[in-house]
Amino acid sequence: MGKPAQPSVADRVIKVGLTDEMKINFSEELATIKSGTTIEFIVTNEGKIAHEFSIGNEAEQREHAEMMRRMPSMVHADGNTLTVEPGMTKFLT
């Protein structure tokens, strides 16, 4: 798990689609990412409700899910989490 970077230093670009069925569709298999690789995620909300995209290890994802259960209307714009409105695209590197 890394930290935010400038898009200009990205080694790879991965497109991400967020759906109202709570599925995340990736343009390629994430298991092929090697440690130290800088990724630019192009995240598009394909649904009709706001969705989030968050980068983190398993423990961080669980912690984030619990926080969202407590505060479901929270909007994110930190280095590793985005809130993406319906039909919009955001970038995370």
PDB file of N, CA and C in Angstrom:
ATOM      1  N   MET A   1       0.852  -1.164   0.000  1.00  0.00           N
ATOM      2  CA  MET A   1       0.000   0.000   0.000  1.00  0.00           C
ATOM      3  C   MET A   1       0.890   1.215   0.000  1.00  0.00           C
ATOM      4  N   GLY A   2       0.612   2.084  -0.898  1.00  0.00           N
ATOM      5  CA  GLY A   2       1.473   3.240  -1.052  1.00  0.00           C
ATOM      6  C   GLY A   2       0.867   4.514  -0.529  1.00  0.00           C
ATOM      7  N   LYS A   3       1.283   5.571  -1.153  1.00  0.00           N
ATOM      8  CA  LYS A   3       0.812   6.894  -0.774  1.00  0.00           C
ATOM      9  C   LYS A   3       0.480   7.659  -2.047  1.00  0.00           C
ATOM     10  N   PRO A   4      -0.292   8.733  -1.939  1.00  0.00           N
ATOM     11  CA  PRO A   4      -0.659   9.501  -3.126  1.00  0.00           C
ATOM     12  C   PRO A   4       0.574   9.995  -3.888  1.00  0.00           C
ATOM     13  N   ALA A   5       0.434  10.069  -5.213  1.00  0.00           N
ATOM     14  CA  ALA A   5       1.525  10.524  -6.074  1.00  0.00           C
ATOM     15  C   ALA A   5       0.954  11.403  -7.179  1.00  0.00           C
ATOM     16  N   GLN A   6       1.817  12.051  -7.898  1.00  0.00           N
ATOM     17  CA  GLN A   6       1.405  12.847  -9.048  1.00  0.00           C
ATOM     18  C   GLN A   6       1.126  11.914 -10.224  1.00  0.00           C
ATOM     19  N   PRO A   7       0.073  12.181 -11.006  1.00  0.00           N
ATOM     20  CA  PRO A   7      -0.231  11.316 -12.156  1.00  0.00           C
ATOM     21  C   PRO A   7       0.934  11.164 -13.125  1.00  0.00           C
ATOM     22  N   SER A   8       1.779  12.164 -13.217  1.00  0.00           N
ATOM     23  CA  SER A   8       2.886  12.115 -14.178  1.00  0.00           C
ATOM     24  C   SER A   8       3.905  11.024 -13.855  1.00  0.00           C
ATOM     25  N   VAL A   9       3.897  10.500 -12.630  1.00  0.00           N
ATOM     26  CA  VAL A   9       4.858   9.451 -12.271  1.00  0.00           C
ATOM     27  C   VAL A   9       4.246   8.050 -12.322  1.00  0.00           C
ATOM     28  N   ALA A  10       3.002   7.938 -12.766  1.00  0.00           N
ATOM     29  CA  ALA A  10       2.330   6.633 -12.810  1.00  0.00           C
ATOM     30  C   ALA A  10       2.996   5.703 -13.812  1.00  0.00           C
ATOM     31  N   ASP A  11       3.197   4.452 -13.379  1.00  0.00           N
ATOM     32  CA  ASP A  11       3.739   3.413 -14.247  1.00  0.00           C
ATOM     33  C   ASP A  11       2.639   2.750 -15.070  1.00  0.00           C
ATOM     34  N   ARG A  12       1.430   2.716 -14.514  1.00  0.00           N
ATOM     35  CA  ARG A  12       0.293   2.054 -15.164  1.00  0.00           C
ATOM     36  C   ARG A  12      -0.973   2.844 -14.901  1.00  0.00           C
ATOM     37  N   VAL A  13      -1.945   2.658 -15.783  1.00  0.00           N
ATOM     38  CA  VAL A  13      -3.271   3.253 -15.622  1.00  0.00           C
ATOM     39  C   VAL A  13      -4.277   2.112 -15.571  1.00  0.00           C
ATOM     40  N   ILE A  14      -5.141   2.147 -14.566  1.00  0.00           N
ATOM     41  CA  ILE A  14      -6.197   1.144 -14.436  1.00  0.00           C
ATOM     42  C   ILE A  14      -7.528   1.874 -14.359  1.00  0.00           C
ATOM     43  N   LYS A  15      -8.443   1.499 -15.244  1.00  0.00           N
ATOM     44  CA  LYS A  15      -9.787   2.077 -15.227  1.00  0.00           C
ATOM     45  C   LYS A  15     -10.650   1.284 -14.257  1.00  0.00           C
ATOM     46  N   VAL A  16     -11.476   2.021 -13.516  1.00  0.00           N
ATOM     47  CA  VAL A  16     -12.327   1.421 -12.492  1.00  0.00           C
ATOM     48  C   VAL A  16     -13.761   1.877 -12.738  1.00  0.00           C
ATOM     49  N   GLY A  17     -14.693   0.930 -12.741  1.00  0.00           N
ATOM     50  CA  GLY A  17     -16.113   1.254 -12.859  1.00  0.00           C
ATOM     51  C   GLY A  17     -16.833   0.879 -11.578  1.00  0.00           C
ATOM     52  N   LEU A  18     -17.580   1.822 -11.017  1.00  0.00           N
ATOM     53  CA  LEU A  18     -18.354   1.587  -9.796  1.00  0.00           C
ATOM     54  C   LEU A  18     -19.825   1.463 -10.176  1.00  0.00           C
ATOM     55  N   THR A  19     -20.500   0.435  -9.663  1.00  0.00           N
ATOM     56  CA  THR A  19     -21.893   0.193 -10.036  1.00  0.00           C
ATOM     57  C   THR A  19     -22.817   0.254  -8.826  1.00  0.00           C
ATOM     58  N   ASP A  20     -24.099   0.431  -9.096  1.00  0.00           N
ATOM     59  CA  ASP A  20     -25.092   0.448  -8.020  1.00  0.00           C
ATOM     60  C   ASP A  20     -25.302  -0.933  -7.410  1.00  0.00           C
ATOM     61  N   GLU A  21     -24.784  -1.969  -8.035  1.00  0.00           N
ATOM     62  CA  GLU A  21     -24.841  -3.324  -7.477  1.00  0.00           C
ATOM     63  C   GLU A  21     -23.684  -3.556  -6.510  1.00  0.00           C
ATOM     64  N   MET A  22     -22.968  -2.472  -6.180  1.00  0.00           N
ATOM     65  CA  MET A  22     -21.824  -2.486  -5.264  1.00  0.00           C
ATOM     66  C   MET A  22     -20.693  -3.370  -5.787  1.00  0.00           C
ATOM     67  N   LYS A  23     -20.538  -3.384  -7.095  1.00  0.00           N
ATOM     68  CA  LYS A  23     -19.426  -4.093  -7.725  1.00  0.00           C
ATOM     69  C   LYS A  23     -18.419  -3.070  -8.220  1.00  0.00           C
ATOM     70  N   ILE A  24     -17.178  -3.466  -8.178  1.00  0.00           N
ATOM     71  CA  ILE A  24     -16.102  -2.637  -8.710  1.00  0.00           C
ATOM     72  C   ILE A  24     -15.489  -3.407  -9.870  1.00  0.00           C
ATOM     73  N   ASN A  25     -15.529  -2.813 -11.046  1.00  0.00           N
ATOM     74  CA  ASN A  25     -14.980  -3.438 -12.244  1.00  0.00           C
ATOM     75  C   ASN A  25     -13.649  -2.787 -12.582  1.00  0.00           C
ATOM     76  N   PHE A  26     -12.604  -3.599 -12.670  1.00  0.00           N
ATOM     77  CA  PHE A  26     -11.269  -3.111 -12.995  1.00  0.00           C
ATOM     78  C   PHE A  26     -10.930  -3.487 -14.433  1.00  0.00           C
ATOM     79  N   SER A  27     -10.185  -2.621 -15.117  1.00  0.00           N
ATOM     80  CA  SER A  27      -9.813  -2.886 -16.504  1.00  0.00           C
ATOM     81  C   SER A  27      -8.757  -3.977 -16.622  1.00  0.00           C
ATOM     82  N   GLU A  28      -8.126  -4.320 -15.517  1.00  0.00           N
ATOM     83  CA  GLU A  28      -7.151  -5.412 -15.524  1.00  0.00           C
ATOM     84  C   GLU A  28      -7.042  -6.023 -14.135  1.00  0.00           C
ATOM     85  N   GLU A  29      -6.438  -7.176 -14.071  1.00  0.00           N
ATOM     86  CA  GLU A  29      -6.306  -7.925 -12.821  1.00  0.00           C
ATOM     87  C   GLU A  29      -5.329  -7.227 -11.879  1.00  0.00           C
ATOM     88  N   LEU A  30      -5.787  -6.931 -10.675  1.00  0.00           N
ATOM     89  CA  LEU A  30      -4.935  -6.229  -9.713  1.00  0.00           C
ATOM     90  C   LEU A  30      -3.820  -7.109  -9.163  1.00  0.00           C
ATOM     91  N   ALA A  31      -3.996  -8.408  -9.216  1.00  0.00           N
ATOM     92  CA  ALA A  31      -2.977  -9.317  -8.686  1.00  0.00           C
ATOM     93  C   ALA A  31      -1.662  -9.204  -9.452  1.00  0.00           C
ATOM     94  N   THR A  32      -1.699  -8.608 -10.634  1.00  0.00           N
ATOM     95  CA  THR A  32      -0.479  -8.485 -11.435  1.00  0.00           C
ATOM     96  C   THR A  32       0.347  -7.254 -11.067  1.00  0.00           C
ATOM     97  N   ILE A  33      -0.120  -6.459 -10.131  1.00  0.00           N
ATOM     98  CA  ILE A  33       0.605  -5.251  -9.735  1.00  0.00           C
ATOM     99  C   ILE A  33       1.742  -5.630  -8.792  1.00  0.00           C
ATOM    100  N   LYS A  34       2.930  -5.206  -9.141  1.00  0.00           N
ATOM    101  CA  LYS A  34       4.098  -5.491  -8.310  1.00  0.00           C
ATOM    102  C   LYS A  34       4.329  -4.360  -7.318  1.00  0.00           C
ATOM    103  N   SER A  35       4.889  -4.707  -6.193  1.00  0.00           N
ATOM    104  CA  SER A  35       5.227  -3.722  -5.174  1.00  0.00           C
ATOM    105  C   SER A  35       6.114  -2.639  -5.777  1.00  0.00           C
ATOM    106  N   GLY A  36       5.829  -1.401  -5.437  1.00  0.00           N
ATOM    107  CA  GLY A  36       6.612  -0.283  -5.943  1.00  0.00           C
ATOM    108  C   GLY A  36       6.056   0.340  -7.207  1.00  0.00           C
ATOM    109  N   THR A  37       5.024  -0.274  -7.784  1.00  0.00           N
ATOM    110  CA  THR A  37       4.406   0.255  -8.997  1.00  0.00           C
ATOM    111  C   THR A  37       3.480   1.410  -8.637  1.00  0.00           C
ATOM    112  N   THR A  38       3.581   2.504  -9.363  1.00  0.00           N
ATOM    113  CA  THR A  38       2.681   3.638  -9.155  1.00  0.00           C
ATOM    114  C   THR A  38       1.539   3.521 -10.155  1.00  0.00           C
ATOM    115  N   ILE A  39       0.317   3.502  -9.631  1.00  0.00           N
ATOM    116  CA  ILE A  39      -0.881   3.307 -10.449  1.00  0.00           C
ATOM    117  C   ILE A  39      -1.711   4.584 -10.458  1.00  0.00           C
ATOM    118  N   GLU A  40      -2.192   4.953 -11.635  1.00  0.00           N
ATOM    119  CA  GLU A  40      -3.219   5.984 -11.719  1.00  0.00           C
ATOM    120  C   GLU A  40      -4.540   5.257 -11.948  1.00  0.00           C
ATOM    121  N   PHE A  41      -5.477   5.427 -11.019  1.00  0.00           N
ATOM    122  CA  PHE A  41      -6.807   4.849 -11.160  1.00  0.00           C
ATOM    123  C   PHE A  41      -7.722   5.909 -11.753  1.00  0.00           C
ATOM    124  N   ILE A  42      -8.396   5.555 -12.842  1.00  0.00           N
ATOM    125  CA  ILE A  42      -9.412   6.419 -13.437  1.00  0.00           C
ATOM    126  C   ILE A  42     -10.745   5.812 -13.021  1.00  0.00           C
ATOM    127  N   VAL A  43     -11.430   6.479 -12.101  1.00  0.00           N
ATOM    128  CA  VAL A  43     -12.594   5.912 -11.423  1.00  0.00           C
ATOM    129  C   VAL A  43     -13.871   6.576 -11.934  1.00  0.00           C
ATOM    130  N   THR A  44     -14.751   5.774 -12.545  1.00  0.00           N
ATOM    131  CA  THR A  44     -16.011   6.283 -13.086  1.00  0.00           C
ATOM    132  C   THR A  44     -17.180   5.649 -12.346  1.00  0.00           C
ATOM    133  N   ASN A  45     -18.089   6.494 -11.903  1.00  0.00           N
ATOM    134  CA  ASN A  45     -19.313   6.013 -11.272  1.00  0.00           C
ATOM    135  C   ASN A  45     -20.322   5.747 -12.382  1.00  0.00           C
ATOM    136  N   GLU A  46     -20.597   4.475 -12.629  1.00  0.00           N
ATOM    137  CA  GLU A  46     -21.525   4.068 -13.681  1.00  0.00           C
ATOM    138  C   GLU A  46     -22.962   3.979 -13.173  1.00  0.00           C
ATOM    139  N   GLY A  47     -23.158   4.283 -11.899  1.00  0.00           N
ATOM    140  CA  GLY A  47     -24.471   4.133 -11.288  1.00  0.00           C
ATOM    141  C   GLY A  47     -25.252   5.427 -11.185  1.00  0.00           C
ATOM    142  N   LYS A  48     -26.297   5.361 -10.369  1.00  0.00           N
ATOM    143  CA  LYS A  48     -27.194   6.501 -10.178  1.00  0.00           C
ATOM    144  C   LYS A  48     -27.113   7.078  -8.766  1.00  0.00           C
ATOM    145  N   ILE A  49     -26.242   6.490  -7.928  1.00  0.00           N
ATOM    146  CA  ILE A  49     -26.026   7.009  -6.578  1.00  0.00           C
ATOM    147  C   ILE A  49     -24.526   7.228  -6.383  1.00  0.00           C
ATOM    148  N   ALA A  50     -24.165   8.063  -5.423  1.00  0.00           N
ATOM    149  CA  ALA A  50     -22.746   8.318  -5.148  1.00  0.00           C
ATOM    150  C   ALA A  50     -22.073   7.044  -4.649  1.00  0.00           C
ATOM    151  N   HIS A  51     -20.831   6.852  -5.052  1.00  0.00           N
ATOM    152  CA  HIS A  51     -20.045   5.696  -4.626  1.00  0.00           C
ATOM    153  C   HIS A  51     -18.667   6.153  -4.186  1.00  0.00           C
ATOM    154  N   GLU A  52     -17.994   5.267  -3.465  1.00  0.00           N
ATOM    155  CA  GLU A  52     -16.636   5.531  -3.010  1.00  0.00           C
ATOM    156  C   GLU A  52     -15.667   4.547  -3.620  1.00  0.00           C
ATOM    157  N   PHE A  53     -14.437   4.999  -3.735  1.00  0.00           N
ATOM    158  CA  PHE A  53     -13.333   4.130  -4.128  1.00  0.00           C
ATOM    159  C   PHE A  53     -12.213   4.419  -3.147  1.00  0.00           C
ATOM    160  N   SER A  54     -11.715   3.375  -2.517  1.00  0.00           N
ATOM    161  CA  SER A  54     -10.708   3.543  -1.479  1.00  0.00           C
ATOM    162  C   SER A  54      -9.582   2.540  -1.682  1.00  0.00           C
ATOM    163  N   ILE A  55      -8.370   3.004  -1.528  1.00  0.00           N
ATOM    164  CA  ILE A  55      -7.200   2.138  -1.626  1.00  0.00           C
ATOM    165  C   ILE A  55      -6.696   1.879  -0.211  1.00  0.00           C
ATOM    166  N   GLY A  56      -6.433   0.620   0.089  1.00  0.00           N
ATOM    167  CA  GLY A  56      -5.900   0.288   1.404  1.00  0.00           C
ATOM    168  C   GLY A  56      -5.757  -1.209   1.565  1.00  0.00           C
ATOM    169  N   ASN A  57      -5.054  -1.598   2.598  1.00  0.00           N
ATOM    170  CA  ASN A  57      -4.918  -3.027   2.860  1.00  0.00           C
ATOM    171  C   ASN A  57      -6.217  -3.549   3.483  1.00  0.00           C
ATOM    172  N   GLU A  58      -6.258  -4.824   3.759  1.00  0.00           N
ATOM    173  CA  GLU A  58      -7.495  -5.442   4.243  1.00  0.00           C
ATOM    174  C   GLU A  58      -7.988  -4.807   5.545  1.00  0.00           C
ATOM    175  N   ALA A  59      -7.091  -4.560   6.477  1.00  0.00           N
ATOM    176  CA  ALA A  59      -7.485  -3.955   7.753  1.00  0.00           C
ATOM    177  C   ALA A  59      -8.021  -2.539   7.539  1.00  0.00           C
ATOM    178  N   GLU A  60      -7.371  -1.773   6.678  1.00  0.00           N
ATOM    179  CA  GLU A  60      -7.827  -0.409   6.396  1.00  0.00           C
ATOM    180  C   GLU A  60      -9.190  -0.415   5.717  1.00  0.00           C
ATOM    181  N   GLN A  61      -9.433  -1.375   4.843  1.00  0.00           N
ATOM    182  CA  GLN A  61     -10.731  -1.470   4.173  1.00  0.00           C
ATOM    183  C   GLN A  61     -11.833  -1.812   5.178  1.00  0.00           C
ATOM    184  N   ARG A  62     -11.545  -2.722   6.096  1.00  0.00           N
ATOM    185  CA  ARG A  62     -12.532  -3.069   7.130  1.00  0.00           C
ATOM    186  C   ARG A  62     -12.840  -1.866   8.016  1.00  0.00           C
ATOM    187  N   GLU A  63     -11.792  -1.156   8.417  1.00  0.00           N
ATOM    188  CA  GLU A  63     -11.964   0.033   9.252  1.00  0.00           C
ATOM    189  C   GLU A  63     -12.800   1.086   8.520  1.00  0.00           C
ATOM    190  N   HIS A  64     -12.522   1.270   7.251  1.00  0.00           N
ATOM    191  CA  HIS A  64     -13.272   2.242   6.458  1.00  0.00           C
ATOM    192  C   HIS A  64     -14.737   1.824   6.319  1.00  0.00           C
ATOM    193  N   ALA A  65     -14.979   0.545   6.088  1.00  0.00           N
ATOM    194  CA  ALA A  65     -16.358   0.052   5.969  1.00  0.00           C
ATOM    195  C   ALA A  65     -17.135   0.291   7.260  1.00  0.00           C
ATOM    196  N   GLU A  66     -16.494   0.060   8.395  1.00  0.00           N
ATOM    197  CA  GLU A  66     -17.153   0.288   9.682  1.00  0.00           C
ATOM    198  C   GLU A  66     -17.462   1.775   9.870  1.00  0.00           C
ATOM    199  N   MET A  67     -16.529   2.629   9.507  1.00  0.00           N
ATOM    200  CA  MET A  67     -16.752   4.069   9.613  1.00  0.00           C
ATOM    201  C   MET A  67     -17.936   4.488   8.738  1.00  0.00           C
ATOM    202  N   MET A  68     -18.035   3.925   7.545  1.00  0.00           N
ATOM    203  CA  MET A  68     -19.135   4.276   6.647  1.00  0.00           C
ATOM    204  C   MET A  68     -20.477   3.768   7.169  1.00  0.00           C
ATOM    205  N   ARG A  69     -20.470   2.663   7.892  1.00  0.00           N
ATOM    206  CA  ARG A  69     -21.719   2.194   8.512  1.00  0.00           C
ATOM    207  C   ARG A  69     -22.193   3.199   9.564  1.00  0.00           C
ATOM    208  N   ARG A  70     -21.233   3.797  10.281  1.00  0.00           N
ATOM    209  CA  ARG A  70     -21.578   4.782  11.310  1.00  0.00           C
ATOM    210  C   ARG A  70     -21.949   6.139  10.711  1.00  0.00           C
ATOM    211  N   MET A  71     -21.325   6.494   9.586  1.00  0.00           N
ATOM    212  CA  MET A  71     -21.529   7.811   8.963  1.00  0.00           C
ATOM    213  C   MET A  71     -21.747   7.644   7.457  1.00  0.00           C
ATOM    214  N   PRO A  72     -22.895   7.113   7.053  1.00  0.00           N
ATOM    215  CA  PRO A  72     -23.100   6.767   5.645  1.00  0.00           C
ATOM    216  C   PRO A  72     -23.088   7.940   4.668  1.00  0.00           C
ATOM    217  N   SER A  73     -23.310   9.142   5.127  1.00  0.00           N
ATOM    218  CA  SER A  73     -23.332  10.276   4.192  1.00  0.00           C
ATOM    219  C   SER A  73     -21.996  11.009   4.127  1.00  0.00           C
ATOM    220  N   MET A  74     -20.974  10.445   4.733  1.00  0.00           N
ATOM    221  CA  MET A  74     -19.654  11.069   4.730  1.00  0.00           C
ATOM    222  C   MET A  74     -19.102  11.145   3.305  1.00  0.00           C
ATOM    223  N   VAL A  75     -18.504  12.282   2.961  1.00  0.00           N
ATOM    224  CA  VAL A  75     -17.898  12.479   1.645  1.00  0.00           C
ATOM    225  C   VAL A  75     -16.388  12.533   1.823  1.00  0.00           C
ATOM    226  N   HIS A  76     -15.679  11.814   0.957  1.00  0.00           N
ATOM    227  CA  HIS A  76     -14.227  11.718   1.078  1.00  0.00           C
ATOM    228  C   HIS A  76     -13.512  12.452  -0.038  1.00  0.00           C
ATOM    229  N   ALA A  77     -12.381  12.992   0.308  1.00  0.00           N
ATOM    230  CA  ALA A  77     -11.490  13.594  -0.681  1.00  0.00           C
ATOM    231  C   ALA A  77     -10.077  13.588  -0.115  1.00  0.00           C
ATOM    232  N   ASP A  78      -9.725  12.501   0.591  1.00  0.00           N
ATOM    233  CA  ASP A  78      -8.367  12.422   1.119  1.00  0.00           C
ATOM    234  C   ASP A  78      -7.476  11.710   0.107  1.00  0.00           C
ATOM    235  N   GLY A  79      -6.260  11.451   0.466  1.00  0.00           N
ATOM    236  CA  GLY A  79      -5.301  10.896  -0.477  1.00  0.00           C
ATOM    237  C   GLY A  79      -5.597   9.509  -0.997  1.00  0.00           C
ATOM    238  N   ASN A  80      -6.347   8.688  -0.244  1.00  0.00           N
ATOM    239  CA  ASN A  80      -6.572   7.305  -0.655  1.00  0.00           C
ATOM    240  C   ASN A  80      -8.033   6.958  -0.892  1.00  0.00           C
ATOM    241  N   THR A  81      -8.937   7.918  -0.731  1.00  0.00           N
ATOM    242  CA  THR A  81     -10.364   7.644  -0.878  1.00  0.00           C
ATOM    243  C   THR A  81     -11.037   8.763  -1.661  1.00  0.00           C
ATOM    244  N   LEU A  82     -11.918   8.359  -2.570  1.00  0.00           N
ATOM    245  CA  LEU A  82     -12.689   9.317  -3.363  1.00  0.00           C
ATOM    246  C   LEU A  82     -14.172   9.048  -3.197  1.00  0.00           C
ATOM    247  N   THR A  83     -14.966  10.093  -3.207  1.00  0.00           N
ATOM    248  CA  THR A  83     -16.407   9.972  -3.388  1.00  0.00           C
ATOM    249  C   THR A  83     -16.681  10.425  -4.809  1.00  0.00           C
ATOM    250  N   VAL A  84     -17.371   9.571  -5.570  1.00  0.00           N
ATOM    251  CA  VAL A  84     -17.621   9.862  -6.981  1.00  0.00           C
ATOM    252  C   VAL A  84     -19.130   9.927  -7.203  1.00  0.00           C
ATOM    253  N   GLU A  85     -19.593  11.066  -7.654  1.00  0.00           N
ATOM    254  CA  GLU A  85     -21.017  11.267  -7.915  1.00  0.00           C
ATOM    255  C   GLU A  85     -21.429  10.520  -9.189  1.00  0.00           C
ATOM    256  N   PRO A  86     -22.723  10.231  -9.339  1.00  0.00           N
ATOM    257  CA  PRO A  86     -23.203   9.492 -10.514  1.00  0.00           C
ATOM    258  C   PRO A  86     -22.758  10.138 -11.831  1.00  0.00           C
ATOM    259  N   GLY A  87     -22.252   9.298 -12.725  1.00  0.00           N
ATOM    260  CA  GLY A  87     -21.843   9.757 -14.045  1.00  0.00           C
ATOM    261  C   GLY A  87     -20.518  10.493 -14.090  1.00  0.00           C
ATOM    262  N   MET A  88     -19.897  10.698 -12.952  1.00  0.00           N
ATOM    263  CA  MET A  88     -18.644  11.455 -12.897  1.00  0.00           C
ATOM    264  C   MET A  88     -17.436  10.518 -12.903  1.00  0.00           C
ATOM    265  N   THR A  89     -16.288  11.091 -13.258  1.00  0.00           N
ATOM    266  CA  THR A  89     -15.020  10.373 -13.242  1.00  0.00           C
ATOM    267  C   THR A  89     -14.027  11.182 -12.426  1.00  0.00           C
ATOM    268  N   LYS A  90     -13.286  10.491 -11.570  1.00  0.00           N
ATOM    269  CA  LYS A  90     -12.218  11.122 -10.787  1.00  0.00           C
ATOM    270  C   LYS A  90     -10.955  10.282 -10.931  1.00  0.00           C
ATOM    271  N   PHE A  91      -9.854  10.882 -10.554  1.00  0.00           N
ATOM    272  CA  PHE A  91      -8.546  10.249 -10.716  1.00  0.00           C
ATOM    273  C   PHE A  91      -7.865  10.123  -9.362  1.00  0.00           C
ATOM    274  N   LEU A  92      -7.198   8.997  -9.162  1.00  0.00           N
ATOM    275  CA  LEU A  92      -6.472   8.749  -7.921  1.00  0.00           C
ATOM    276  C   LEU A  92      -5.143   8.096  -8.276  1.00  0.00           C
ATOM    277  N   THR A  93      -4.043   8.732  -7.891  1.00  0.00           N
ATOM    278  CA  THR A  93      -2.709   8.199  -8.191  1.00  0.00           C
ATOM    279  C   THR A  93      -1.959   8.008  -6.893  1.00  0.00           C
TER     280      THR A  93
END
